């Protein structure tokens, strides 16, 4: 089913769309320099750190700022906590104009496809346990981003199909009969993430 750009734009509120577009732009801009890393081990470490910084940055922007007096203090060996707000790989540019959601979305997914391709090519000799764990961590963080979008697109496609079926069955909309209700068995469908 083809979904029009206008339909896609109408499903998300303008504030959420602007926030999400900037979020995707930030991740895409930050992925660029990491894709240039030639050493596979360094690439996976940098990608994992970038995705961790991206999650922390998004969590900081979504939660209200409240001082936590019971917070665990940072030890010298704890590198998972960033207290000064500076990021190693995440680039957070100030964009003075509004970005196009569709263009940013497609560009980010092109970069994510390139990131996955780089994870798969030339890593046969590096398959140690720690390397594979880093790759799995990167994969799970990327799947969180992709699953959020696929759920929304799935709901949008379902609603579009229901609207088309209402047009086909004029009796359901002209009388007091309920419209055709399709029970989609989600266990039998293939998600875009599995392909």
C-alpha atoms as a PDB file:
ATOM      1  CA  UNK A   1       0.000   0.000   0.000  1.00  0.00           C
ATOM      2  CA  UNK A   2       1.325   3.412  -0.914  1.00  0.00           C
ATOM      3  CA  UNK A   3       0.940   6.126   1.696  1.00  0.00           C
ATOM      4  CA  UNK A   4       0.940   9.713   0.482  1.00  0.00           C
ATOM      5  CA  UNK A   5       3.364  12.224   1.962  1.00  0.00           C
ATOM      6  CA  UNK A   6       0.425  14.389   3.043  1.00  0.00           C
ATOM      7  CA  UNK A   7      -1.178  11.471   4.920  1.00  0.00           C
ATOM      8  CA  UNK A   8       2.072  10.711   6.678  1.00  0.00           C
ATOM      9  CA  UNK A   9       2.491  14.344   7.678  1.00  0.00           C
ATOM     10  CA  UNK A  10      -1.064  14.566   9.048  1.00  0.00           C
ATOM     11  CA  UNK A  11      -0.670  11.587  11.375  1.00  0.00           C
ATOM     12  CA  UNK A  12       1.935  13.169  13.607  1.00  0.00           C
ATOM     13  CA  UNK A  13       1.466  16.446  15.447  1.00  0.00           C
ATOM     14  CA  UNK A  14       3.621  19.326  14.307  1.00  0.00           C
ATOM     15  CA  UNK A  15       5.510  19.622  17.611  1.00  0.00           C
ATOM     16  CA  UNK A  16       6.276  15.907  17.721  1.00  0.00           C
ATOM     17  CA  UNK A  17       7.216  15.919  14.045  1.00  0.00           C
ATOM     18  CA  UNK A  18       9.660  18.795  14.550  1.00  0.00           C
ATOM     19  CA  UNK A  19      11.212  17.127  17.598  1.00  0.00           C
ATOM     20  CA  UNK A  20      11.536  13.767  15.865  1.00  0.00           C
ATOM     21  CA  UNK A  21      13.001  15.323  12.710  1.00  0.00           C
ATOM     22  CA  UNK A  22      15.668  17.103  14.740  1.00  0.00           C
ATOM     23  CA  UNK A  23      16.370  13.865  16.626  1.00  0.00           C
ATOM     24  CA  UNK A  24      16.817  11.923  13.374  1.00  0.00           C
ATOM     25  CA  UNK A  25      18.961  14.712  11.919  1.00  0.00           C
ATOM     26  CA  UNK A  26      21.214  14.657  14.989  1.00  0.00           C
ATOM     27  CA  UNK A  27      21.711  10.900  14.709  1.00  0.00           C
ATOM     28  CA  UNK A  28      22.332  11.086  10.959  1.00  0.00           C
ATOM     29  CA  UNK A  29      24.884  13.895  11.251  1.00  0.00           C
ATOM     30  CA  UNK A  30      26.645  11.986  14.026  1.00  0.00           C
ATOM     31  CA  UNK A  31      26.745   8.729  12.042  1.00  0.00           C
ATOM     32  CA  UNK A  32      28.674  10.344   9.180  1.00  0.00           C
ATOM     33  CA  UNK A  33      32.092  10.635  10.854  1.00  0.00           C
ATOM     34  CA  UNK A  34      31.765   7.192  12.452  1.00  0.00           C
ATOM     35  CA  UNK A  35      31.221   5.546   9.068  1.00  0.00           C
ATOM     36  CA  UNK A  36      34.686   6.807   8.073  1.00  0.00           C
ATOM     37  CA  UNK A  37      36.413   4.768  10.815  1.00  0.00           C
ATOM     38  CA  UNK A  38      38.404   2.016   9.079  1.00  0.00           C
ATOM     39  CA  UNK A  39      39.236  -0.272  12.019  1.00  0.00           C
ATOM     40  CA  UNK A  40      36.209  -2.515  12.665  1.00  0.00           C
ATOM     41  CA  UNK A  41      36.761  -2.806  16.418  1.00  0.00           C
ATOM     42  CA  UNK A  42      37.031   0.968  16.790  1.00  0.00           C
ATOM     43  CA  UNK A  43      33.996   1.389  14.534  1.00  0.00           C
ATOM     44  CA  UNK A  44      31.797  -0.860  16.684  1.00  0.00           C
ATOM     45  CA  UNK A  45      32.964   0.834  19.891  1.00  0.00           C
ATOM     46  CA  UNK A  46      32.314   4.280  18.414  1.00  0.00           C
ATOM     47  CA  UNK A  47      28.891   3.229  17.113  1.00  0.00           C
ATOM     48  CA  UNK A  48      27.917   1.811  20.492  1.00  0.00           C
ATOM     49  CA  UNK A  49      29.082   4.954  22.286  1.00  0.00           C
ATOM     50  CA  UNK A  50      27.213   7.158  19.800  1.00  0.00           C
ATOM     51  CA  UNK A  51      23.976   5.223  20.293  1.00  0.00           C
ATOM     52  CA  UNK A  52      24.404   5.394  24.071  1.00  0.00           C
ATOM     53  CA  UNK A  53      24.986   9.155  23.898  1.00  0.00           C
ATOM     54  CA  UNK A  54      21.966   9.480  21.606  1.00  0.00           C
ATOM     55  CA  UNK A  55      19.758   7.673  24.145  1.00  0.00           C
ATOM     56  CA  UNK A  56      21.088   9.811  27.007  1.00  0.00           C
ATOM     57  CA  UNK A  57      20.558  13.003  24.997  1.00  0.00           C
ATOM     58  CA  UNK A  58      16.967  12.038  24.177  1.00  0.00           C
ATOM     59  CA  UNK A  59      16.235  11.059  27.771  1.00  0.00           C
ATOM     60  CA  UNK A  60      17.596  14.398  28.992  1.00  0.00           C
ATOM     61  CA  UNK A  61      15.342  16.299  26.595  1.00  0.00           C
ATOM     62  CA  UNK A  62      12.203  14.299  27.399  1.00  0.00           C
ATOM     63  CA  UNK A  63      12.307  14.202  31.175  1.00  0.00           C
ATOM     64  CA  UNK A  64      11.755  17.305  33.263  1.00  0.00           C
ATOM     65  CA  UNK A  65      14.912  18.503  34.936  1.00  0.00           C
ATOM     66  CA  UNK A  66      14.774  17.566  38.594  1.00  0.00           C
ATOM     67  CA  UNK A  67      17.647  17.343  40.975  1.00  0.00           C
ATOM     68  CA  UNK A  68      18.137  13.820  42.255  1.00  0.00           C
ATOM     69  CA  UNK A  69      19.720  13.909  45.687  1.00  0.00           C
ATOM     70  CA  UNK A  70      19.905  10.114  45.878  1.00  0.00           C
ATOM     71  CA  UNK A  71      21.880   9.763  42.635  1.00  0.00           C
ATOM     72  CA  UNK A  72      24.873   7.462  42.615  1.00  0.00           C
ATOM     73  CA  UNK A  73      28.069   9.467  42.344  1.00  0.00           C
ATOM     74  CA  UNK A  74      30.316   8.826  39.413  1.00  0.00           C
ATOM     75  CA  UNK A  75      33.312   6.647  40.060  1.00  0.00           C
ATOM     76  CA  UNK A  76      36.536   7.076  38.118  1.00  0.00           C
ATOM     77  CA  UNK A  77      35.942   3.846  36.184  1.00  0.00           C
ATOM     78  CA  UNK A  78      32.288   4.559  35.318  1.00  0.00           C
ATOM     79  CA  UNK A  79      32.217   5.769  31.720  1.00  0.00           C
ATOM     80  CA  UNK A  80      28.488   5.198  31.230  1.00  0.00           C
ATOM     81  CA  UNK A  81      27.571   8.459  32.933  1.00  0.00           C
ATOM     82  CA  UNK A  82      28.199  11.770  31.227  1.00  0.00           C
ATOM     83  CA  UNK A  83      27.986  14.633  33.695  1.00  0.00           C
ATOM     84  CA  UNK A  84      29.434  17.579  31.807  1.00  0.00           C
ATOM     85  CA  UNK A  85      27.051  17.455  28.849  1.00  0.00           C
ATOM     86  CA  UNK A  86      29.852  17.068  26.306  1.00  0.00           C
ATOM     87  CA  UNK A  87      29.549  14.152  23.941  1.00  0.00           C
ATOM     88  CA  UNK A  88      32.330  12.188  22.306  1.00  0.00           C
ATOM     89  CA  UNK A  89      30.552  11.245  19.072  1.00  0.00           C
ATOM     90  CA  UNK A  90      27.102  12.848  19.206  1.00  0.00           C
ATOM     91  CA  UNK A  91      26.945  16.074  17.222  1.00  0.00           C
ATOM     92  CA  UNK A  92      24.088  18.369  18.269  1.00  0.00           C
ATOM     93  CA  UNK A  93      23.970  21.189  15.729  1.00  0.00           C
ATOM     94  CA  UNK A  94      21.760  24.227  16.046  1.00  0.00           C
ATOM     95  CA  UNK A  95      19.495  24.190  12.993  1.00  0.00           C
ATOM     96  CA  UNK A  96      18.039  27.665  12.284  1.00  0.00           C
ATOM     97  CA  UNK A  97      15.383  26.377   9.870  1.00  0.00           C
ATOM     98  CA  UNK A  98      12.757  23.651   9.775  1.00  0.00           C
ATOM     99  CA  UNK A  99      13.881  20.324   8.346  1.00  0.00           C
ATOM    100  CA  UNK A 100      11.785  18.151   6.048  1.00  0.00           C
ATOM    101  CA  UNK A 101      10.697  15.043   7.961  1.00  0.00           C
ATOM    102  CA  UNK A 102      10.452  12.730   4.959  1.00  0.00           C
ATOM    103  CA  UNK A 103      13.868  13.682   3.576  1.00  0.00           C
ATOM    104  CA  UNK A 104      15.497  13.378   7.010  1.00  0.00           C
ATOM    105  CA  UNK A 105      13.773  10.036   7.607  1.00  0.00           C
ATOM    106  CA  UNK A 106      14.953   8.501   4.320  1.00  0.00           C
ATOM    107  CA  UNK A 107      18.474   9.882   4.690  1.00  0.00           C
ATOM    108  CA  UNK A 108      18.769   8.489   8.224  1.00  0.00           C
ATOM    109  CA  UNK A 109      17.661   5.055   7.077  1.00  0.00           C
ATOM    110  CA  UNK A 110      20.170   5.145   4.217  1.00  0.00           C
ATOM    111  CA  UNK A 111      22.868   5.874   6.797  1.00  0.00           C
ATOM    112  CA  UNK A 112      21.588   3.103   9.088  1.00  0.00           C
ATOM    113  CA  UNK A 113      21.705   0.652   6.176  1.00  0.00           C
ATOM    114  CA  UNK A 114      25.298   1.729   5.538  1.00  0.00           C
ATOM    115  CA  UNK A 115      26.101   1.281   9.248  1.00  0.00           C
ATOM    116  CA  UNK A 116      24.691  -2.264   9.218  1.00  0.00           C
ATOM    117  CA  UNK A 117      26.539  -3.039   5.994  1.00  0.00           C
ATOM    118  CA  UNK A 118      29.793  -1.935   7.583  1.00  0.00           C
ATOM    119  CA  UNK A 119      29.053  -4.161  10.603  1.00  0.00           C
ATOM    120  CA  UNK A 120      28.735  -7.202   8.341  1.00  0.00           C
ATOM    121  CA  UNK A 121      31.535  -6.668   5.826  1.00  0.00           C
ATOM    122  CA  UNK A 122      35.063  -7.609   6.864  1.00  0.00           C
ATOM    123  CA  UNK A 123      34.242  -8.740  10.395  1.00  0.00           C
ATOM    124  CA  UNK A 124      34.673 -12.493   9.881  1.00  0.00           C
ATOM    125  CA  UNK A 125      38.119 -12.558  11.505  1.00  0.00           C
ATOM    126  CA  UNK A 126      37.032 -10.358  14.438  1.00  0.00           C
ATOM    127  CA  UNK A 127      34.269 -12.579  15.808  1.00  0.00           C
ATOM    128  CA  UNK A 128      35.373 -12.617  19.419  1.00  0.00           C
ATOM    129  CA  UNK A 129      32.821 -12.731  22.197  1.00  0.00           C
ATOM    130  CA  UNK A 130      33.311  -9.094  23.232  1.00  0.00           C
ATOM    131  CA  UNK A 131      33.056  -7.896  19.613  1.00  0.00           C
ATOM    132  CA  UNK A 132      29.833  -9.854  19.074  1.00  0.00           C
ATOM    133  CA  UNK A 133      28.384  -8.471  22.318  1.00  0.00           C
ATOM    134  CA  UNK A 134      29.126  -4.912  21.160  1.00  0.00           C
ATOM    135  CA  UNK A 135      27.465  -5.621  17.803  1.00  0.00           C
ATOM    136  CA  UNK A 136      24.380  -7.054  19.552  1.00  0.00           C
ATOM    137  CA  UNK A 137      24.162  -3.992  21.807  1.00  0.00           C
ATOM    138  CA  UNK A 138      24.340  -1.697  18.770  1.00  0.00           C
ATOM    139  CA  UNK A 139      21.729  -3.801  17.013  1.00  0.00           C
ATOM    140  CA  UNK A 140      19.291  -3.670  19.936  1.00  0.00           C
ATOM    141  CA  UNK A 141      19.621   0.118  20.222  1.00  0.00           C
ATOM    142  CA  UNK A 142      19.042   0.560  16.500  1.00  0.00           C
ATOM    143  CA  UNK A 143      16.049  -1.786  16.611  1.00  0.00           C
ATOM    144  CA  UNK A 144      14.433   0.448  19.240  1.00  0.00           C
ATOM    145  CA  UNK A 145      14.557   3.365  16.812  1.00  0.00           C
ATOM    146  CA  UNK A 146      13.309   1.327  13.860  1.00  0.00           C
ATOM    147  CA  UNK A 147      10.532  -0.442  15.803  1.00  0.00           C
ATOM    148  CA  UNK A 148       9.026   2.862  16.935  1.00  0.00           C
ATOM    149  CA  UNK A 149       8.692   3.987  13.332  1.00  0.00           C
ATOM    150  CA  UNK A 150       7.473   0.658  11.967  1.00  0.00           C
ATOM    151  CA  UNK A 151       4.717   0.519  14.598  1.00  0.00           C
ATOM    152  CA  UNK A 152       3.472   3.946  13.535  1.00  0.00           C
ATOM    153  CA  UNK A 153       3.660   3.085   9.839  1.00  0.00           C
ATOM    154  CA  UNK A 154       1.864  -0.201  10.503  1.00  0.00           C
ATOM    155  CA  UNK A 155      -0.974   1.600  12.292  1.00  0.00           C
ATOM    156  CA  UNK A 156      -1.171   4.145   9.478  1.00  0.00           C
ATOM    157  CA  UNK A 157      -1.368   1.398   6.847  1.00  0.00           C
ATOM    158  CA  UNK A 158      -4.053  -0.458   8.815  1.00  0.00           C
ATOM    159  CA  UNK A 159      -6.180   2.671   9.040  1.00  0.00           C
ATOM    160  CA  UNK A 160      -5.745   3.333   5.317  1.00  0.00           C
ATOM    161  CA  UNK A 161      -6.797  -0.244   4.512  1.00  0.00           C
ATOM    162  CA  UNK A 162      -9.859   0.067   6.748  1.00  0.00           C
ATOM    163  CA  UNK A 163     -10.817   3.302   4.977  1.00  0.00           C
ATOM    164  CA  UNK A 164     -10.454   1.595   1.592  1.00  0.00           C
ATOM    165  CA  UNK A 165     -12.608  -1.303   2.779  1.00  0.00           C
ATOM    166  CA  UNK A 166     -15.265   1.154   3.943  1.00  0.00           C
ATOM    167  CA  UNK A 167     -15.351   2.542   0.405  1.00  0.00           C
ATOM    168  CA  UNK A 168     -15.771  -0.949  -1.030  1.00  0.00           C
ATOM    169  CA  UNK A 169     -18.586  -1.923   1.361  1.00  0.00           C
ATOM    170  CA  UNK A 170     -21.184   0.860   1.055  1.00  0.00           C
ATOM    171  CA  UNK A 171     -23.702  -0.982   3.240  1.00  0.00           C
ATOM    172  CA  UNK A 172     -21.541  -0.717   6.305  1.00  0.00           C
ATOM    173  CA  UNK A 173     -21.379   3.084   6.161  1.00  0.00           C
ATOM    174  CA  UNK A 174     -24.924   3.831   4.896  1.00  0.00           C
ATOM    175  CA  UNK A 175     -26.816   1.798   7.461  1.00  0.00           C
ATOM    176  CA  UNK A 176     -26.394   1.296  11.156  1.00  0.00           C
ATOM    177  CA  UNK A 177     -24.263  -1.779  10.552  1.00  0.00           C
ATOM    178  CA  UNK A 178     -20.783  -1.729  11.937  1.00  0.00           C
ATOM    179  CA  UNK A 179     -17.999  -1.419   9.373  1.00  0.00           C
ATOM    180  CA  UNK A 180     -15.933  -4.404   8.399  1.00  0.00           C
ATOM    181  CA  UNK A 181     -13.597  -5.173  11.234  1.00  0.00           C
ATOM    182  CA  UNK A 182     -10.506  -7.042  10.207  1.00  0.00           C
ATOM    183  CA  UNK A 183      -8.657  -8.940  12.871  1.00  0.00           C
ATOM    184  CA  UNK A 184      -5.025  -8.777  11.859  1.00  0.00           C
ATOM    185  CA  UNK A 185      -3.066 -11.687  13.235  1.00  0.00           C
ATOM    186  CA  UNK A 186       0.210 -10.037  14.140  1.00  0.00           C
ATOM    187  CA  UNK A 187       1.950 -13.362  14.763  1.00  0.00           C
ATOM    188  CA  UNK A 188       1.803 -14.355  11.073  1.00  0.00           C
ATOM    189  CA  UNK A 189       3.073 -11.154   9.513  1.00  0.00           C
ATOM    190  CA  UNK A 190       6.664 -10.335   8.740  1.00  0.00           C
ATOM    191  CA  UNK A 191       7.888  -7.072  10.139  1.00  0.00           C
ATOM    192  CA  UNK A 192      10.293  -4.899   8.124  1.00  0.00           C
ATOM    193  CA  UNK A 193      12.880  -5.413  10.869  1.00  0.00           C
ATOM    194  CA  UNK A 194      12.946  -9.193  10.199  1.00  0.00           C
ATOM    195  CA  UNK A 195      13.622  -8.782   6.490  1.00  0.00           C
END
